[in-house]
Amino acid sequence: MSDKMNVESFNLDHTKVKAPYVRLADIKTGLHGDTIHKYDLRICQPNKAHMEMPALHSLEHLMAELSRNHSEQVVDISPMGCQTGFYVAMINHDDYDGVLALLEGTLKDVLEADEVPACNEMQCGWAASHSLEGAKDLARDLLAKRDEWTQVFA
């Protein structure tokens, strides 16, 4: 890996990180001064473990919906294709500790959820692939390691 690549995460040595963690991955500034802060919420150790799709899918729906109860600055929460984490995009919000608090509060909300939001064929592209209990297990495991979130590298 000698040449720098355009995608920030492709320049990250995945063999040196220690999940779970929350890492500021990128900052983009728009023409009018708005900033997007993109965070890497890594749940599973890269190349060692991954989230199963139904649990990941449900956690995505739950976090996307419930995180907005904590902040209007959430732009997006989207899963990584490798199924090891999520990207969290925030607009005009550069408070790392605030993002940690938002994620913690959102994951606690996941544990209280009775259903997966938009888990139907009208609102979801793969409504059959969901697991509320799987999402809760992921949230519970991540919250149990809350004190590790700020340590990115082993």
C-alpha atoms as a PDB file:
ATOM      1  CA  MET A   1       0.000   0.000   0.000  1.00  0.00           C
ATOM      2  CA  SER A   2       2.358   2.710  -1.225  1.00  0.00           C
ATOM      3  CA  ASP A   3       0.062   5.076  -3.121  1.00  0.00           C
ATOM      4  CA  LYS A   4      -2.522   7.092  -1.232  1.00  0.00           C
ATOM      5  CA  MET A   5      -6.023   6.164  -2.289  1.00  0.00           C
ATOM      6  CA  ASN A   6      -9.031   8.478  -2.671  1.00  0.00           C
ATOM      7  CA  VAL A   7     -11.148   6.650  -0.083  1.00  0.00           C
ATOM      8  CA  GLU A   8      -9.949   7.481   3.428  1.00  0.00           C
ATOM      9  CA  SER A   9     -10.695   4.058   4.900  1.00  0.00           C
ATOM     10  CA  PHE A  10      -8.646   2.361   2.173  1.00  0.00           C
ATOM     11  CA  ASN A  11      -5.627   4.168   3.628  1.00  0.00           C
ATOM     12  CA  LEU A  12      -6.331   2.847   7.136  1.00  0.00           C
ATOM     13  CA  ASP A  13      -4.312  -0.203   8.150  1.00  0.00           C
ATOM     14  CA  HIS A  14      -7.139  -2.489   9.238  1.00  0.00           C
ATOM     15  CA  THR A  15      -4.656  -4.894  10.839  1.00  0.00           C
ATOM     16  CA  LYS A  16      -3.702  -2.289  13.445  1.00  0.00           C
ATOM     17  CA  VAL A  17      -7.149  -1.191  14.695  1.00  0.00           C
ATOM     18  CA  LYS A  18      -8.946  -2.678  17.693  1.00  0.00           C
ATOM     19  CA  ALA A  19     -12.727  -2.743  17.592  1.00  0.00           C
ATOM     20  CA  PRO A  20     -14.935  -1.441  18.984  1.00  0.00           C
ATOM     21  CA  TYR A  21     -14.079   2.201  18.446  1.00  0.00           C
ATOM     22  CA  VAL A  22     -15.387   5.516  17.161  1.00  0.00           C
ATOM     23  CA  ARG A  23     -12.943   7.376  14.921  1.00  0.00           C
ATOM     24  CA  LEU A  24     -13.194  10.671  13.074  1.00  0.00           C
ATOM     25  CA  ALA A  25     -12.584   9.463   9.522  1.00  0.00           C
ATOM     26  CA  ASP A  26     -13.015  12.627   7.454  1.00  0.00           C
ATOM     27  CA  ILE A  27     -14.128  16.254   7.394  1.00  0.00           C
ATOM     28  CA  LYS A  28     -15.559  17.904   4.292  1.00  0.00           C
ATOM     29  CA  THR A  29     -16.317  21.618   4.029  1.00  0.00           C
ATOM     30  CA  GLY A  30     -19.000  22.812   1.639  1.00  0.00           C
ATOM     31  CA  LEU A  31     -18.954  25.942  -0.487  1.00  0.00           C
ATOM     32  CA  HIS A  32     -20.952  27.858   2.132  1.00  0.00           C
ATOM     33  CA  GLY A  33     -18.859  26.736   5.102  1.00  0.00           C
ATOM     34  CA  ASP A  34     -20.967  23.828   6.326  1.00  0.00           C
ATOM     35  CA  THR A  35     -18.880  20.904   7.528  1.00  0.00           C
ATOM     36  CA  ILE A  36     -19.611  17.203   7.392  1.00  0.00           C
ATOM     37  CA  HIS A  37     -17.796  15.099   9.973  1.00  0.00           C
ATOM     38  CA  LYS A  38     -17.737  11.407   9.076  1.00  0.00           C
ATOM     39  CA  TYR A  39     -17.145   8.968  11.925  1.00  0.00           C
ATOM     40  CA  ASP A  40     -16.127   5.323  11.664  1.00  0.00           C
ATOM     41  CA  LEU A  41     -18.186   3.381  14.232  1.00  0.00           C
ATOM     42  CA  ARG A  42     -16.387   0.043  14.177  1.00  0.00           C
ATOM     43  CA  ILE A  43     -18.268  -2.723  15.937  1.00  0.00           C
ATOM     44  CA  CYS A  44     -16.457  -5.885  14.813  1.00  0.00           C
ATOM     45  CA  GLN A  45     -12.745  -6.549  14.445  1.00  0.00           C
ATOM     46  CA  PRO A  46     -11.889  -6.229  10.725  1.00  0.00           C
ATOM     47  CA  ASN A  47     -11.132  -9.508   8.980  1.00  0.00           C
ATOM     48  CA  LYS A  48     -11.923 -11.465  12.162  1.00  0.00           C
ATOM     49  CA  ALA A  49     -15.662 -10.974  12.669  1.00  0.00           C
ATOM     50  CA  HIS A  50     -18.664  -9.322  11.026  1.00  0.00           C
ATOM     51  CA  MET A  51     -22.283  -8.550  11.795  1.00  0.00           C
ATOM     52  CA  GLU A  52     -24.877 -10.885  10.347  1.00  0.00           C
ATOM     53  CA  MET A  53     -27.032  -9.078   7.799  1.00  0.00           C
ATOM     54  CA  PRO A  54     -30.444  -9.251   9.558  1.00  0.00           C
ATOM     55  CA  ALA A  55     -28.972  -7.833  12.800  1.00  0.00           C
ATOM     56  CA  LEU A  56     -26.921  -5.202  10.942  1.00  0.00           C
ATOM     57  CA  HIS A  57     -29.945  -4.212   8.839  1.00  0.00           C
ATOM     58  CA  SER A  58     -32.161  -3.791  11.891  1.00  0.00           C
ATOM     59  CA  LEU A  59     -29.483  -1.878  13.799  1.00  0.00           C
ATOM     60  CA  GLU A  60     -29.170   0.435  10.794  1.00  0.00           C
ATOM     61  CA  HIS A  61     -32.925   1.149  10.776  1.00  0.00           C
ATOM     62  CA  LEU A  62     -33.030   1.635  14.542  1.00  0.00           C
ATOM     63  CA  MET A  63     -29.991   3.919  14.726  1.00  0.00           C
ATOM     64  CA  ALA A  64     -31.053   5.931  11.679  1.00  0.00           C
ATOM     65  CA  GLU A  65     -34.458   6.605  13.230  1.00  0.00           C
ATOM     66  CA  LEU A  66     -33.582   6.884  16.915  1.00  0.00           C
ATOM     67  CA  SER A  67     -30.386   8.941  16.560  1.00  0.00           C
ATOM     68  CA  ARG A  68     -32.428  11.836  15.225  1.00  0.00           C
ATOM     69  CA  ASN A  69     -34.213  12.017  18.584  1.00  0.00           C
ATOM     70  CA  HIS A  70     -30.835  13.049  20.028  1.00  0.00           C
ATOM     71  CA  SER A  71     -29.609  15.450  17.335  1.00  0.00           C
ATOM     72  CA  GLU A  72     -30.886  17.250  14.252  1.00  0.00           C
ATOM     73  CA  GLN A  73     -27.303  17.270  12.958  1.00  0.00           C
ATOM     74  CA  VAL A  74     -27.293  13.589  11.987  1.00  0.00           C
ATOM     75  CA  VAL A  75     -26.992  13.421   8.203  1.00  0.00           C
ATOM     76  CA  ASP A  76     -26.709   9.672   7.800  1.00  0.00           C
ATOM     77  CA  ILE A  77     -25.852   6.410   9.510  1.00  0.00           C
ATOM     78  CA  SER A  78     -24.903   3.823   6.937  1.00  0.00           C
ATOM     79  CA  PRO A  79     -23.437   0.335   7.173  1.00  0.00           C
ATOM     80  CA  MET A  80     -20.015  -0.561   5.834  1.00  0.00           C
ATOM     81  CA  GLY A  81     -20.030  -3.110   3.050  1.00  0.00           C
ATOM     82  CA  CYS A  82     -17.606  -5.272   5.045  1.00  0.00           C
ATOM     83  CA  GLN A  83     -20.305  -5.558   7.736  1.00  0.00           C
ATOM     84  CA  THR A  84     -17.916  -4.532  10.525  1.00  0.00           C
ATOM     85  CA  GLY A  85     -19.397  -1.139  11.359  1.00  0.00           C
ATOM     86  CA  PHE A  86     -21.215   1.991  10.312  1.00  0.00           C
ATOM     87  CA  TYR A  87     -20.362   5.457   9.070  1.00  0.00           C
ATOM     88  CA  VAL A  88     -21.997   8.269  10.995  1.00  0.00           C
ATOM     89  CA  ALA A  89     -22.162  11.617   9.183  1.00  0.00           C
ATOM     90  CA  MET A  90     -22.897  14.818  11.115  1.00  0.00           C
ATOM     91  CA  ILE A  91     -23.345  18.330   9.742  1.00  0.00           C
ATOM     92  CA  ASN A  92     -21.786  21.302  11.566  1.00  0.00           C
ATOM     93  CA  HIS A  93     -21.035  19.135  14.589  1.00  0.00           C
ATOM     94  CA  ASP A  94     -17.372  18.769  15.518  1.00  0.00           C
ATOM     95  CA  ASP A  95     -17.835  17.599  19.118  1.00  0.00           C
ATOM     96  CA  TYR A  96     -16.342  14.094  19.358  1.00  0.00           C
ATOM     97  CA  ASP A  97     -17.575  13.584  22.930  1.00  0.00           C
ATOM     98  CA  GLY A  98     -21.017  14.732  21.813  1.00  0.00           C
ATOM     99  CA  VAL A  99     -21.003  12.085  19.071  1.00  0.00           C
ATOM    100  CA  LEU A 100     -20.048   9.438  21.632  1.00  0.00           C
ATOM    101  CA  ALA A 101     -22.946  10.563  23.842  1.00  0.00           C
ATOM    102  CA  LEU A 102     -25.328  10.521  20.872  1.00  0.00           C
ATOM    103  CA  LEU A 103     -24.276   6.980  19.963  1.00  0.00           C
ATOM    104  CA  GLU A 104     -24.532   5.805  23.556  1.00  0.00           C
ATOM    105  CA  GLY A 105     -28.010   7.289  23.933  1.00  0.00           C
ATOM    106  CA  THR A 106     -29.116   5.852  20.602  1.00  0.00           C
ATOM    107  CA  LEU A 107     -27.861   2.368  21.474  1.00  0.00           C
ATOM    108  CA  LYS A 108     -29.676   2.539  24.818  1.00  0.00           C
ATOM    109  CA  ASP A 109     -32.821   3.445  22.875  1.00  0.00           C
ATOM    110  CA  VAL A 110     -32.250   0.383  20.662  1.00  0.00           C
ATOM    111  CA  LEU A 111     -32.389  -1.793  23.777  1.00  0.00           C
ATOM    112  CA  GLU A 112     -35.820  -0.343  24.607  1.00  0.00           C
ATOM    113  CA  ALA A 113     -37.263  -0.766  21.104  1.00  0.00           C
ATOM    114  CA  ASP A 114     -40.303  -2.994  20.591  1.00  0.00           C
ATOM    115  CA  GLU A 115     -40.009  -3.108  16.805  1.00  0.00           C
ATOM    116  CA  VAL A 116     -37.721  -2.226  13.930  1.00  0.00           C
ATOM    117  CA  PRO A 117     -38.861   1.018  12.274  1.00  0.00           C
ATOM    118  CA  ALA A 118     -39.868   0.814   8.609  1.00  0.00           C
ATOM    119  CA  CYS A 119     -39.627  -2.980   8.618  1.00  0.00           C
ATOM    120  CA  ASN A 120     -42.146  -3.564   5.852  1.00  0.00           C
ATOM    121  CA  GLU A 121     -42.122  -3.934   2.082  1.00  0.00           C
ATOM    122  CA  MET A 122     -43.382  -0.420   1.459  1.00  0.00           C
ATOM    123  CA  GLN A 123     -40.571   1.301   3.408  1.00  0.00           C
ATOM    124  CA  CYS A 124     -37.681  -1.162   3.124  1.00  0.00           C
ATOM    125  CA  GLY A 125     -35.914  -2.786   0.205  1.00  0.00           C
ATOM    126  CA  TRP A 126     -35.385  -6.114   1.996  1.00  0.00           C
ATOM    127  CA  ALA A 127     -38.044  -6.232   4.694  1.00  0.00           C
ATOM    128  CA  ALA A 128     -37.625  -9.977   5.263  1.00  0.00           C
ATOM    129  CA  SER A 129     -34.030  -9.488   6.423  1.00  0.00           C
ATOM    130  CA  HIS A 130     -34.371  -8.110   9.952  1.00  0.00           C
ATOM    131  CA  SER A 131     -33.659  -9.206  13.507  1.00  0.00           C
ATOM    132  CA  LEU A 132     -34.669  -6.959  16.390  1.00  0.00           C
ATOM    133  CA  GLU A 133     -33.038  -9.317  18.891  1.00  0.00           C
ATOM    134  CA  GLY A 134     -29.865  -9.432  16.796  1.00  0.00           C
ATOM    135  CA  ALA A 135     -29.747  -5.620  16.728  1.00  0.00           C
ATOM    136  CA  LYS A 136     -30.274  -5.505  20.491  1.00  0.00           C
ATOM    137  CA  ASP A 137     -27.452  -8.014  21.000  1.00  0.00           C
ATOM    138  CA  LEU A 138     -25.108  -5.831  18.926  1.00  0.00           C
ATOM    139  CA  ALA A 139     -26.154  -2.715  20.856  1.00  0.00           C
ATOM    140  CA  ARG A 140     -25.750  -4.489  24.207  1.00  0.00           C
ATOM    141  CA  ASP A 141     -22.273  -5.758  23.307  1.00  0.00           C
ATOM    142  CA  LEU A 142     -21.189  -2.347  22.056  1.00  0.00           C
ATOM    143  CA  LEU A 143     -22.459  -0.573  25.171  1.00  0.00           C
ATOM    144  CA  ALA A 144     -20.659  -3.111  27.377  1.00  0.00           C
ATOM    145  CA  LYS A 145     -17.405  -1.924  25.793  1.00  0.00           C
ATOM    146  CA  ARG A 146     -18.230   1.797  25.972  1.00  0.00           C
ATOM    147  CA  ASP A 147     -14.950   2.572  27.746  1.00  0.00           C
ATOM    148  CA  GLU A 148     -13.018   1.241  24.714  1.00  0.00           C
ATOM    149  CA  TRP A 149     -14.631   3.453  22.067  1.00  0.00           C
ATOM    150  CA  THR A 150     -11.918   6.122  22.087  1.00  0.00           C
ATOM    151  CA  GLN A 151      -9.027   3.676  21.597  1.00  0.00           C
ATOM    152  CA  VAL A 152      -8.683   3.032  17.862  1.00  0.00           C
ATOM    153  CA  PHE A 153      -5.375   1.187  17.709  1.00  0.00           C
ATOM    154  CA  ALA A 154      -4.262  -1.878  19.644  1.00  0.00           C
END
